[in-house]
Amino acid sequence: MKIGEKLRKKLSKKFEPGQMLHQKFGRYDISFKTDEEGNAISLFVGKRNAEGNIQGERFVRILTRDINGKVLKDHWDGKGRT
């Protein structure tokens, strides 16, 4: 599974820092964790079970900046099924 352009665009926005957010995206449930700057850094995509956990795919964001804060690398790596 790959992250589509619409979901990538949604996750590129700033959110509340240091939180785990739970939302619906199309036919999927998504949960993502934000860093101290409000960037989405960890993502779970799939269907939420009765315990509230996502059964599906896990992704981690690689976000690398230089010393001036300019983004050098920004992509999502698939880490497998959860």
C-alpha atoms as a PDB file:
ATOM      1  CA  MET A   1       0.000   0.000   0.000  1.00  0.00           C
ATOM      2  CA  LYS A   2       1.206   3.514  -0.829  1.00  0.00           C
ATOM      3  CA  ILE A   3       0.098   6.842   0.564  1.00  0.00           C
ATOM      4  CA  GLY A   4      -1.954   8.659  -2.052  1.00  0.00           C
ATOM      5  CA  GLU A   5      -1.478  12.277  -3.008  1.00  0.00           C
ATOM      6  CA  LYS A   6      -4.637  13.448  -1.168  1.00  0.00           C
ATOM      7  CA  LEU A   7      -3.552  11.808   2.096  1.00  0.00           C
ATOM      8  CA  ARG A   8       0.034  13.065   1.678  1.00  0.00           C
ATOM      9  CA  LYS A   9      -1.332  16.614   1.198  1.00  0.00           C
ATOM     10  CA  LYS A  10      -3.513  16.296   4.308  1.00  0.00           C
ATOM     11  CA  LEU A  11      -0.565  15.069   6.401  1.00  0.00           C
ATOM     12  CA  SER A  12       1.730  17.862   5.201  1.00  0.00           C
ATOM     13  CA  LYS A  13      -0.269  20.403   7.223  1.00  0.00           C
ATOM     14  CA  LYS A  14       0.628  21.423  10.778  1.00  0.00           C
ATOM     15  CA  PHE A  15      -1.337  19.855  13.637  1.00  0.00           C
ATOM     16  CA  GLU A  16      -1.332  20.139  17.409  1.00  0.00           C
ATOM     17  CA  PRO A  17       2.210  19.249  18.587  1.00  0.00           C
ATOM     18  CA  GLY A  18       2.922  16.000  20.450  1.00  0.00           C
ATOM     19  CA  GLN A  19      -0.482  14.382  19.935  1.00  0.00           C
ATOM     20  CA  MET A  20      -1.943  11.144  18.596  1.00  0.00           C
ATOM     21  CA  LEU A  21      -4.845  12.116  16.317  1.00  0.00           C
ATOM     22  CA  HIS A  22      -7.618   9.796  15.100  1.00  0.00           C
ATOM     23  CA  GLN A  23      -9.649  10.593  11.976  1.00  0.00           C
ATOM     24  CA  LYS A  24     -11.533   9.109   9.034  1.00  0.00           C
ATOM     25  CA  PHE A  25     -10.073   9.472   5.549  1.00  0.00           C
ATOM     26  CA  GLY A  26     -12.308   8.184   2.784  1.00  0.00           C
ATOM     27  CA  ARG A  27     -13.109   4.559   3.578  1.00  0.00           C
ATOM     28  CA  TYR A  28     -10.145   4.209   5.969  1.00  0.00           C
ATOM     29  CA  ASP A  29      -9.568   5.018   9.610  1.00  0.00           C
ATOM     30  CA  ILE A  30      -6.274   6.812  10.202  1.00  0.00           C
ATOM     31  CA  SER A  31      -4.273   7.574  13.333  1.00  0.00           C
ATOM     32  CA  PHE A  32      -1.131   9.653  13.292  1.00  0.00           C
ATOM     33  CA  LYS A  33       1.343  10.994  15.802  1.00  0.00           C
ATOM     34  CA  THR A  34       2.821  14.490  15.596  1.00  0.00           C
ATOM     35  CA  ASP A  35       6.247  15.725  16.647  1.00  0.00           C
ATOM     36  CA  GLU A  36       7.012  18.774  18.799  1.00  0.00           C
ATOM     37  CA  GLU A  37       6.572  21.054  15.752  1.00  0.00           C
ATOM     38  CA  GLY A  38       3.163  19.647  14.763  1.00  0.00           C
ATOM     39  CA  ASN A  39       4.363  17.562  11.780  1.00  0.00           C
ATOM     40  CA  ALA A  40       2.783  14.150  11.254  1.00  0.00           C
ATOM     41  CA  ILE A  41       5.596  11.601  11.774  1.00  0.00           C
ATOM     42  CA  SER A  42       3.919   8.224  12.301  1.00  0.00           C
ATOM     43  CA  LEU A  43       0.798   6.966  10.512  1.00  0.00           C
ATOM     44  CA  PHE A  44      -1.540   3.983  10.802  1.00  0.00           C
ATOM     45  CA  VAL A  45      -4.054   3.371   7.963  1.00  0.00           C
ATOM     46  CA  GLY A  46      -6.763   0.683   7.952  1.00  0.00           C
ATOM     47  CA  LYS A  47      -9.875  -0.237   9.907  1.00  0.00           C
ATOM     48  CA  ARG A  48     -10.259   0.506  13.617  1.00  0.00           C
ATOM     49  CA  ASN A  49     -11.100  -2.577  15.719  1.00  0.00           C
ATOM     50  CA  ALA A  50     -13.300  -2.743  18.846  1.00  0.00           C
ATOM     51  CA  GLU A  51     -10.321  -1.850  21.066  1.00  0.00           C
ATOM     52  CA  GLY A  52      -9.653   1.310  19.044  1.00  0.00           C
ATOM     53  CA  ASN A  53      -6.471   0.048  17.352  1.00  0.00           C
ATOM     54  CA  ILE A  54      -5.903   0.271  13.596  1.00  0.00           C
ATOM     55  CA  GLN A  55      -5.602  -3.010  11.702  1.00  0.00           C
ATOM     56  CA  GLY A  56      -3.786  -2.179   8.484  1.00  0.00           C
ATOM     57  CA  GLU A  57      -0.551  -0.520   7.393  1.00  0.00           C
ATOM     58  CA  ARG A  58       2.037   1.482   9.340  1.00  0.00           C
ATOM     59  CA  PHE A  59       4.137   4.317   7.874  1.00  0.00           C
ATOM     60  CA  VAL A  60       6.938   6.488   9.255  1.00  0.00           C
ATOM     61  CA  ARG A  61       7.831   9.914   7.882  1.00  0.00           C
ATOM     62  CA  ILE A  62      11.437  10.762   7.086  1.00  0.00           C
ATOM     63  CA  LEU A  63      11.737  14.524   7.526  1.00  0.00           C
ATOM     64  CA  THR A  64      15.304  15.838   7.341  1.00  0.00           C
ATOM     65  CA  ARG A  65      16.236  19.521   7.565  1.00  0.00           C
ATOM     66  CA  ASP A  66      19.515  21.399   7.238  1.00  0.00           C
ATOM     67  CA  ILE A  67      20.840  23.745   9.938  1.00  0.00           C
ATOM     68  CA  ASN A  68      18.796  26.623   8.491  1.00  0.00           C
ATOM     69  CA  GLY A  69      15.528  24.649   8.686  1.00  0.00           C
ATOM     70  CA  LYS A  70      15.210  24.003   4.940  1.00  0.00           C
ATOM     71  CA  VAL A  71      13.643  20.602   4.205  1.00  0.00           C
ATOM     72  CA  LEU A  72      16.162  18.277   2.542  1.00  0.00           C
ATOM     73  CA  LYS A  73      14.165  15.042   2.611  1.00  0.00           C
ATOM     74  CA  ASP A  74      10.442  14.462   3.176  1.00  0.00           C
ATOM     75  CA  HIS A  75       8.915  11.088   2.365  1.00  0.00           C
ATOM     76  CA  TRP A  76       6.895   8.273   3.960  1.00  0.00           C
ATOM     77  CA  ASP A  77       8.350   4.755   4.403  1.00  0.00           C
ATOM     78  CA  GLY A  78       6.027   1.766   4.647  1.00  0.00           C
ATOM     79  CA  LYS A  79       6.832  -0.390   7.684  1.00  0.00           C
ATOM     80  CA  GLY A  80       4.391  -3.247   7.102  1.00  0.00           C
ATOM     81  CA  ARG A  81       1.123  -4.484   8.516  1.00  0.00           C
ATOM     82  CA  THR A  82      -0.106  -3.895  12.057  1.00  0.00           C
END
